[in-house]
Amino acid sequence: MALIVQKYGGTSLADPERIKAIARRVVEEHRKGHQLVVVVSAMGDTTDRLVELAHQVSKNPPRREMDMLLSVGERISIALLAMAISDLGVQAISFTGSQVGIITDTRHTEARILEVRAHRIREELDRGKIVIVAGFQGVSINKEITTLGRGGSDTTAVALAAALQADRCELMKDVDGIFVAEPRLVPNVQLNPRLSYDEMIEMANLGAGVLKTESVEVAKHYRVKVAVGNSFTGRIGTIITDKSLDSSAVRGIVGQKELAWIRLPLPEPPAAHLHQLNQQLVEARVKMQHFSLTDGAVWLAFHRRFLPDFNRCLQASPLLSRLNLKPQVDETSGMVAIIGTGLNFNSETAGRVFQALENLSCPTENLQVSELKITFRLPASRVDPTIQFLYQQLLERTSCED
């Protein structure tokens, strides 16, 4: 008998028929003798509609009230799925994040999980019930309802799997697994059967939208075996563990278009100013995509939505605000990243990447190379064509040569 945590996204729960189909699959697993904890998202586009509704009544909705509103979507899903399972003759019980002890910090709409107190889940599993848990939400240390941000249901599932010491965590999506590139850009794109935690973290952070970065970070920390599969077919396509399939390969080619690139001149010595800037950015949770120091200036890249937070950071530090720094902002450039293992500068794989970049029809800037990734800046309009070109050069051509 295994203890399995499954997560189903909003697409797979979009209407009553799909909810009943998921109920049948969950009951089938339960009747094999497994204990099941099922984490669910809000139905279909419920969250988007709630966000739209909030902005219809308020120009700037308070974040606390947004959490109160958005947490409703998952509560609908858990109740309906529990009802559908009960109709199949199996006992099920639904819980909100706060009811199962998902404790978070105090940051509304982007909270981080601090602790999971899974006593109620264990009690109900021991009674033979299937436990349904609302994803994406918890309760703060100040006893306020909080949400975990987009993709937060994945984080909920992985955190519960860690707390329960589950045998595996299955994140069921509307895709077959983690592809090397976006399928809408590359026909017949390769599927990654196995990824390391570090490879998946880089892919998620640099533009692959299947999993949220925080969910994989939690999985890595607690060594949770994660399976990513298709919620409609039940097929598992990708396994994420501490080891990749082989030692040197391209795992992902991903891109981002909606970035703000910042060049921030810093007076000498830059280290003290960088320390102040880093402290402010960490506190504001600005998710950095690029950071480098060159010629007395720091280059930063992050999603455009963080630009107001960045500007506030410059004013929040007494040292930085006195300098009256003048950042140069570019919102027309994007980023492409090649992710894999063994991409260090001297590797054969990196050599193939550099050869492909030499043949690109557009300039590349802010090139960075590490063991796990090669990233560069280019015009946002060239991101998609560049991903297609690099896939053809690095994977299709290699397959033909083999």
Protein backbone atom coordinates (compact mmCIF):
# COMPACT_ATOMS: atom_id res chain seq x y z
CA MET A 1 0.00 0.00 0.00
CA ALA A 2 1.35 3.40 -0.98
CA LEU A 3 0.51 6.88 0.24
CA ILE A 4 0.06 9.02 -2.87
CA VAL A 5 -0.49 12.78 -3.13
CA GLN A 6 -2.12 13.77 -6.40
CA LYS A 7 -2.73 17.27 -7.67
CA TYR A 8 -5.24 18.23 -10.38
CA GLY A 9 -5.31 21.62 -12.06
CA GLY A 10 -8.24 23.78 -13.02
CA THR A 11 -8.47 22.54 -16.62
CA SER A 12 -9.11 18.97 -15.48
CA LEU A 13 -11.85 20.22 -13.13
CA ALA A 14 -13.45 22.69 -15.52
CA ASP A 15 -16.97 21.20 -15.50
CA PRO A 16 -19.04 18.56 -13.66
CA GLU A 17 -18.20 15.79 -16.16
CA ARG A 18 -14.49 16.34 -15.75
CA ILE A 19 -14.84 16.41 -11.97
CA LYS A 20 -16.65 13.07 -12.09
CA ALA A 21 -13.92 11.66 -14.36
CA ILE A 22 -11.25 12.66 -11.85
CA ALA A 23 -13.35 11.14 -9.07
CA ARG A 24 -13.44 7.82 -10.92
CA ARG A 25 -9.66 7.84 -11.38
CA VAL A 26 -9.04 8.66 -7.73
CA VAL A 27 -11.42 5.93 -6.54
CA GLU A 28 -9.73 3.43 -8.85
CA GLU A 29 -6.39 4.14 -7.18
CA HIS A 30 -7.99 3.94 -3.73
CA ARG A 31 -9.47 0.52 -4.49
CA LYS A 32 -5.99 -0.76 -5.29
CA GLY A 33 -5.28 -0.30 -1.59
CA HIS A 34 -3.51 3.07 -1.76
CA GLN A 35 -4.08 6.00 0.59
CA LEU A 36 -4.95 9.11 -1.43
CA VAL A 37 -4.56 12.82 -0.70
CA VAL A 38 -5.88 14.89 -3.61
CA VAL A 39 -4.96 18.57 -3.98
CA VAL A 40 -7.11 20.57 -6.38
CA SER A 41 -7.12 24.00 -8.01
CA ALA A 42 -10.12 26.19 -8.75
CA MET A 43 -12.38 25.08 -11.62
CA GLY A 44 -11.37 26.24 -15.10
CA ASP A 45 -10.89 30.01 -15.27
CA THR A 46 -12.53 30.69 -11.90
CA THR A 47 -9.47 32.47 -10.49
CA ASP A 48 -9.18 34.74 -13.54
CA ARG A 49 -12.86 35.63 -13.28
CA LEU A 50 -12.52 36.43 -9.58
CA VAL A 51 -9.54 38.69 -10.29
CA GLU A 52 -11.53 40.46 -12.98
CA LEU A 53 -14.47 40.85 -10.62
CA ALA A 54 -12.23 42.40 -7.97
CA HIS A 55 -10.95 45.01 -10.40
CA GLN A 56 -14.48 45.83 -11.45
CA VAL A 57 -15.29 46.98 -7.91
CA SER A 58 -11.88 48.37 -6.94
CA LYS A 59 -9.06 50.11 -8.78
CA ASN A 60 -6.51 48.75 -6.32
CA PRO A 61 -7.94 45.80 -4.33
CA PRO A 62 -6.23 45.30 -0.94
CA ARG A 63 -4.11 42.15 -1.01
CA ARG A 64 -5.72 40.76 2.13
CA GLU A 65 -9.16 40.97 0.55
CA MET A 66 -7.84 39.44 -2.67
CA ASP A 67 -6.76 36.40 -0.66
CA MET A 68 -10.18 36.18 0.95
CA LEU A 69 -11.77 36.29 -2.50
CA LEU A 70 -9.42 33.99 -4.43
CA SER A 71 -9.42 31.25 -1.79
CA VAL A 72 -13.11 30.66 -2.59
CA GLY A 73 -12.33 29.01 -5.94
CA GLU A 74 -10.53 26.01 -4.44
CA ARG A 75 -13.20 25.58 -1.78
CA ILE A 76 -15.77 25.02 -4.53
CA SER A 77 -13.55 22.39 -6.17
CA ILE A 78 -12.83 20.38 -3.02
CA ALA A 79 -16.50 20.17 -2.04
CA LEU A 80 -17.65 19.10 -5.51
CA LEU A 81 -14.91 16.46 -5.87
CA ALA A 82 -15.68 15.04 -2.42
CA MET A 83 -19.36 14.80 -3.40
CA ALA A 84 -18.49 13.02 -6.68
CA ILE A 85 -16.28 10.52 -4.86
CA SER A 86 -18.97 9.84 -2.25
CA ASP A 87 -21.41 9.01 -5.05
CA LEU A 88 -19.02 6.23 -6.11
CA GLY A 89 -19.36 4.58 -2.71
CA VAL A 90 -16.09 5.75 -1.15
CA GLN A 91 -15.80 8.06 1.84
CA ALA A 92 -14.11 11.39 1.13
CA ILE A 93 -13.62 14.54 3.15
CA SER A 94 -12.59 18.01 1.98
CA PHE A 95 -10.37 20.49 3.80
CA THR A 96 -9.21 24.05 3.19
CA GLY A 97 -5.54 24.87 3.54
CA SER A 98 -6.06 26.36 6.99
CA GLN A 99 -8.01 23.31 8.19
CA VAL A 100 -5.08 20.99 7.46
CA GLY A 101 -2.52 23.28 9.05
CA ILE A 102 -0.71 24.81 6.08
CA ILE A 103 1.02 27.66 7.90
CA THR A 104 2.49 30.50 5.83
CA ASP A 105 4.26 33.79 6.30
CA THR A 106 2.28 37.03 6.27
CA ARG A 107 2.75 38.13 2.65
CA HIS A 108 -0.67 38.22 1.01
CA THR A 109 -1.10 36.87 -2.57
CA GLU A 110 2.49 35.54 -2.64
CA ALA A 111 2.83 33.70 0.67
CA ARG A 112 5.46 31.05 1.43
CA ILE A 113 4.70 27.87 3.35
CA LEU A 114 6.51 27.73 6.70
CA GLU A 115 5.06 24.56 8.18
CA VAL A 116 2.50 21.82 7.51
CA ARG A 117 0.63 20.30 10.44
CA ALA A 118 -0.90 17.26 8.79
CA HIS A 119 -2.54 15.63 11.84
CA ARG A 120 -6.11 15.87 10.53
CA ILE A 121 -5.10 14.36 7.20
CA ARG A 122 -3.43 11.39 8.89
CA GLU A 123 -6.48 10.81 11.07
CA GLU A 124 -8.85 10.71 8.10
CA LEU A 125 -6.52 8.52 6.03
CA ASP A 126 -6.41 6.05 8.92
CA ARG A 127 -10.21 5.97 8.83
CA GLY A 128 -10.02 4.86 5.20
CA LYS A 129 -11.12 8.14 3.63
CA ILE A 130 -9.83 9.93 0.57
CA VAL A 131 -8.71 13.40 1.66
CA ILE A 132 -9.32 16.35 -0.66
CA VAL A 133 -7.29 19.51 0.07
CA ALA A 134 -7.63 22.99 -1.40
CA GLY A 135 -4.44 23.99 -3.14
CA PHE A 136 -2.94 27.47 -3.42
CA GLN A 137 -3.85 28.57 0.11
CA GLY A 138 -3.01 28.47 3.79
CA VAL A 139 -3.23 30.48 6.97
CA SER A 140 -0.56 32.91 8.11
CA ILE A 141 1.16 33.01 11.48
CA ASN A 142 -1.18 35.97 12.13
CA LYS A 143 -4.22 33.71 11.46
CA GLU A 144 -5.08 35.38 8.16
CA ILE A 145 -6.10 33.53 5.00
CA THR A 146 -3.24 33.64 2.48
CA THR A 147 -2.66 32.43 -1.07
CA LEU A 148 0.57 31.17 -2.61
CA GLY A 149 0.50 32.87 -6.00
CA ARG A 150 0.01 31.40 -9.46
CA GLY A 151 0.89 27.70 -9.55
CA GLY A 152 0.63 27.50 -5.78
CA SER A 153 -1.38 24.27 -5.83
CA ASP A 154 1.76 22.44 -6.97
CA THR A 155 3.57 23.80 -3.93
CA THR A 156 0.71 22.69 -1.69
CA ALA A 157 0.87 19.14 -3.06
CA VAL A 158 4.64 18.82 -2.71
CA ALA A 159 4.61 20.30 0.81
CA LEU A 160 1.89 17.83 1.87
CA ALA A 161 3.84 14.95 0.31
CA ALA A 162 6.89 16.00 2.31
CA ALA A 163 4.95 16.36 5.57
CA LEU A 164 3.20 13.01 5.11
CA GLN A 165 6.35 11.26 3.82
CA ALA A 166 4.32 10.13 0.83
CA ASP A 167 5.67 7.51 -1.53
CA ARG A 168 5.22 9.87 -4.46
CA CYS A 169 3.64 13.14 -5.53
CA GLU A 170 1.81 13.20 -8.85
CA LEU A 171 1.23 16.61 -10.44
CA MET A 172 -1.41 16.01 -13.10
CA LYS A 173 -1.59 18.67 -15.81
CA ASP A 174 -3.15 19.23 -19.23
CA VAL A 175 0.18 18.19 -20.83
CA ASP A 176 2.02 14.86 -20.90
CA GLY A 177 5.02 16.06 -18.91
CA ILE A 178 7.97 18.46 -19.16
CA PHE A 179 8.98 19.06 -22.76
CA VAL A 180 12.36 20.32 -23.95
CA ALA A 181 10.63 23.32 -25.57
CA GLU A 182 7.13 24.76 -25.79
CA PRO A 183 5.05 22.33 -27.93
CA ARG A 184 3.19 25.19 -29.63
CA LEU A 185 6.54 26.41 -30.99
CA VAL A 186 8.18 23.07 -31.83
CA PRO A 187 6.10 20.30 -33.44
CA ASN A 188 6.92 16.77 -32.21
CA VAL A 189 9.09 18.21 -29.44
CA GLN A 190 10.94 15.76 -27.21
CA LEU A 191 9.56 14.89 -23.77
CA ASN A 192 11.97 14.73 -20.82
CA PRO A 193 11.39 11.31 -19.19
CA ARG A 194 13.56 12.26 -16.23
CA LEU A 195 14.90 15.53 -14.80
CA SER A 196 16.97 16.44 -11.78
CA TYR A 197 15.60 18.89 -9.22
CA ASP A 198 18.23 21.45 -10.23
CA GLU A 199 17.41 21.18 -13.93
CA MET A 200 13.70 21.61 -13.25
CA ILE A 201 14.29 24.57 -10.94
CA GLU A 202 16.24 26.35 -13.67
CA MET A 203 13.59 25.56 -16.29
CA ALA A 204 10.77 26.80 -14.06
CA ASN A 205 12.65 29.96 -13.07
CA LEU A 206 13.61 30.82 -16.63
CA GLY A 207 10.27 30.51 -18.36
CA ALA A 208 8.93 26.94 -18.46
CA GLY A 209 5.40 27.45 -17.13
CA VAL A 210 4.47 23.87 -16.23
CA LEU A 211 5.68 23.96 -12.62
CA LYS A 212 6.20 26.75 -10.11
CA THR A 213 9.82 27.18 -8.99
CA GLU A 214 8.94 27.04 -5.29
CA SER A 215 7.26 23.64 -5.65
CA VAL A 216 10.45 22.09 -7.05
CA GLU A 217 12.59 23.80 -4.42
CA VAL A 218 10.43 22.18 -1.72
CA ALA A 219 10.68 18.81 -3.49
CA LYS A 220 14.48 19.10 -3.63
CA HIS A 221 14.80 20.07 0.02
CA TYR A 222 12.69 17.15 1.25
CA ARG A 223 13.67 14.71 -1.54
CA VAL A 224 10.08 14.26 -2.68
CA LYS A 225 9.79 12.13 -5.83
CA VAL A 226 7.63 14.15 -8.24
CA ALA A 227 5.80 12.73 -11.25
CA VAL A 228 4.30 15.03 -13.89
CA GLY A 229 1.59 13.63 -16.11
CA ASN A 230 -1.59 14.17 -18.08
CA SER A 231 -4.77 14.50 -16.02
CA PHE A 232 -6.96 13.40 -18.95
CA THR A 233 -5.10 10.19 -19.84
CA GLY A 234 -3.48 9.42 -16.49
CA ARG A 235 -0.13 8.95 -18.24
CA ILE A 236 3.01 9.98 -16.36
CA GLY A 237 5.54 11.56 -18.69
CA THR A 238 8.31 13.01 -16.49
CA ILE A 239 9.88 11.96 -13.19
CA ILE A 240 11.78 14.57 -11.16
CA THR A 241 14.32 13.28 -8.64
CA ASP A 242 17.85 14.09 -7.50
CA LYS A 243 19.42 12.62 -10.65
CA SER A 244 18.94 13.33 -14.35
CA LEU A 245 18.87 10.69 -17.09
CA ASP A 246 22.46 11.24 -18.28
CA SER A 247 25.41 13.46 -17.49
CA SER A 248 25.44 15.87 -20.45
CA ALA A 249 22.36 16.89 -22.42
CA VAL A 250 20.09 19.80 -23.27
CA ARG A 251 16.96 19.51 -21.11
CA GLY A 252 15.18 22.70 -22.00
CA ILE A 253 15.16 25.66 -24.36
CA VAL A 254 12.89 28.31 -22.90
CA GLY A 255 12.30 32.02 -23.24
CA GLN A 256 10.69 35.04 -21.64
CA LYS A 257 9.44 38.17 -23.34
CA GLU A 258 7.87 40.36 -20.64
CA LEU A 259 11.10 41.30 -18.90
CA ALA A 260 12.50 44.55 -17.61
CA TRP A 261 16.26 44.79 -18.17
CA ILE A 262 17.95 47.30 -15.86
CA ARG A 263 21.42 48.80 -16.12
CA LEU A 264 22.19 50.47 -12.80
CA PRO A 265 25.47 52.44 -12.55
CA LEU A 266 27.06 52.08 -9.11
CA PRO A 267 29.81 54.23 -7.59
CA GLU A 268 33.00 52.70 -6.25
CA PRO A 269 33.26 50.42 -4.37
CA PRO A 270 30.19 48.58 -5.73
CA ALA A 271 30.11 45.75 -3.17
CA ALA A 272 28.56 47.82 -0.37
CA HIS A 273 25.86 49.15 -2.66
CA LEU A 274 25.14 45.67 -4.04
CA HIS A 275 24.64 44.41 -0.51
CA GLN A 276 22.05 47.11 0.18
CA LEU A 277 20.31 46.49 -3.13
CA ASN A 278 20.23 42.72 -2.57
CA GLN A 279 18.73 43.14 0.89
CA GLN A 280 15.91 45.28 -0.48
CA LEU A 281 15.20 43.00 -3.44
CA VAL A 282 15.08 39.89 -1.24
CA GLU A 283 12.68 41.57 1.17
CA ALA A 284 10.45 42.68 -1.73
CA ARG A 285 10.67 39.17 -3.28
CA VAL A 286 11.65 40.45 -6.68
CA LYS A 287 12.30 37.26 -8.65
CA MET A 288 15.56 37.80 -10.48
CA GLN A 289 16.20 36.27 -13.91
CA HIS A 290 19.63 37.78 -14.53
CA PHE A 291 22.31 39.45 -12.42
CA SER A 292 25.78 40.53 -13.48
CA LEU A 293 28.31 43.25 -12.66
CA THR A 294 30.36 44.85 -15.41
CA ASP A 295 32.16 48.17 -15.95
CA GLY A 296 30.86 49.76 -12.76
CA ALA A 297 27.22 48.89 -13.41
CA VAL A 298 24.95 46.06 -12.37
CA TRP A 299 22.67 44.41 -14.92
CA LEU A 300 19.37 43.03 -13.63
CA ALA A 301 16.46 41.34 -15.36
CA PHE A 302 13.07 40.43 -13.91
CA HIS A 303 9.44 40.28 -14.98
CA ARG A 304 7.93 43.67 -15.71
CA ARG A 305 5.41 43.28 -12.89
CA PHE A 306 8.31 43.70 -10.42
CA LEU A 307 9.37 47.09 -11.81
CA PRO A 308 7.37 49.16 -9.25
CA ASP A 309 8.84 47.00 -6.45
CA PHE A 310 12.34 47.59 -7.80
CA ASN A 311 11.83 51.36 -7.86
CA ARG A 312 10.57 51.24 -4.28
CA CYS A 313 13.68 49.26 -3.30
CA LEU A 314 15.95 52.05 -4.53
CA GLN A 315 14.11 54.51 -2.30
CA ALA A 316 13.77 52.21 0.72
CA SER A 317 17.52 51.96 1.34
CA PRO A 318 18.96 55.12 2.96
CA LEU A 319 22.30 54.52 1.23
CA LEU A 320 20.89 53.94 -2.23
CA SER A 321 18.33 56.74 -2.03
CA ARG A 322 21.07 59.27 -1.19
CA LEU A 323 22.97 58.25 -4.33
CA ASN A 324 20.00 59.24 -6.52
CA LEU A 325 20.78 56.41 -8.93
CA LYS A 326 19.42 56.64 -12.47
CA PRO A 327 18.54 53.16 -13.75
CA GLN A 328 18.37 52.63 -17.51
CA VAL A 329 15.28 50.49 -18.22
CA ASP A 330 14.75 48.37 -21.32
CA GLU A 331 11.34 46.70 -21.67
CA THR A 332 11.80 45.64 -25.29
CA SER A 333 14.24 42.78 -24.70
CA GLY A 334 13.61 39.19 -23.68
CA MET A 335 15.73 36.23 -22.67
CA VAL A 336 16.40 32.76 -24.02
CA ALA A 337 17.87 30.04 -21.83
CA ILE A 338 19.38 26.64 -22.66
CA ILE A 339 19.15 24.36 -19.61
CA GLY A 340 20.89 21.06 -19.02
CA THR A 341 23.67 19.24 -17.22
CA GLY A 342 27.30 19.76 -18.13
CA LEU A 343 26.92 23.13 -19.84
CA ASN A 344 30.10 24.61 -18.38
CA PHE A 345 32.25 26.66 -20.74
CA ASN A 346 34.68 23.83 -21.62
CA SER A 347 32.04 21.18 -22.36
CA GLU A 348 31.20 19.71 -25.77
CA THR A 349 27.53 20.61 -25.25
CA ALA A 350 28.41 24.25 -24.59
CA GLY A 351 30.52 24.22 -27.73
CA ARG A 352 27.51 23.13 -29.79
CA VAL A 353 25.44 25.92 -28.18
CA PHE A 354 28.05 28.55 -29.04
CA GLN A 355 28.22 27.28 -32.61
CA ALA A 356 24.44 27.59 -32.90
CA LEU A 357 24.53 31.10 -31.42
CA GLU A 358 27.13 32.08 -34.00
CA ASN A 359 24.60 31.23 -36.71
CA LEU A 360 21.77 33.27 -35.17
CA SER A 361 20.39 36.10 -37.28
CA CYS A 362 20.09 38.50 -34.33
CA PRO A 363 22.58 39.87 -31.76
CA THR A 364 22.91 38.26 -28.33
CA GLU A 365 23.95 40.25 -25.27
CA ASN A 366 24.48 39.69 -21.53
CA LEU A 367 25.58 36.10 -22.15
CA GLN A 368 26.01 34.03 -18.99
CA VAL A 369 27.33 30.46 -18.72
CA SER A 370 27.06 28.07 -15.77
CA GLU A 371 27.00 24.32 -15.18
CA LEU A 372 23.23 24.23 -15.63
CA LYS A 373 22.34 27.04 -18.03
CA ILE A 374 23.38 29.40 -20.78
CA THR A 375 21.31 32.58 -21.00
CA PHE A 376 21.38 35.68 -23.16
CA ARG A 377 19.41 38.83 -23.94
CA LEU A 378 17.85 39.51 -27.35
CA PRO A 379 14.90 41.49 -28.75
CA ALA A 380 11.61 40.17 -27.36
CA SER A 381 10.27 39.76 -30.89
CA ARG A 382 13.05 37.24 -31.60
CA VAL A 383 12.48 34.96 -28.59
CA ASP A 384 10.13 32.45 -30.26
CA PRO A 385 12.07 32.15 -33.57
CA THR A 386 15.30 31.71 -31.60
CA ILE A 387 13.85 28.88 -29.53
CA GLN A 388 12.76 27.14 -32.74
CA PHE A 389 16.18 27.65 -34.34
CA LEU A 390 18.13 26.40 -31.31
CA TYR A 391 15.92 23.33 -30.97
CA GLN A 392 16.57 22.48 -34.61
CA GLN A 393 20.33 23.03 -34.21
CA LEU A 394 20.82 21.31 -30.85
CA LEU A 395 18.33 18.45 -30.87
CA GLU A 396 16.91 17.72 -34.31
CA ARG A 397 20.32 17.90 -35.99
CA THR A 398 21.92 15.77 -33.26
CA SER A 399 19.18 13.15 -33.65
CA CYS A 400 19.78 13.01 -37.43
CA GLU A 401 23.54 12.61 -36.94
CA ASP A 402 22.99 9.76 -34.46
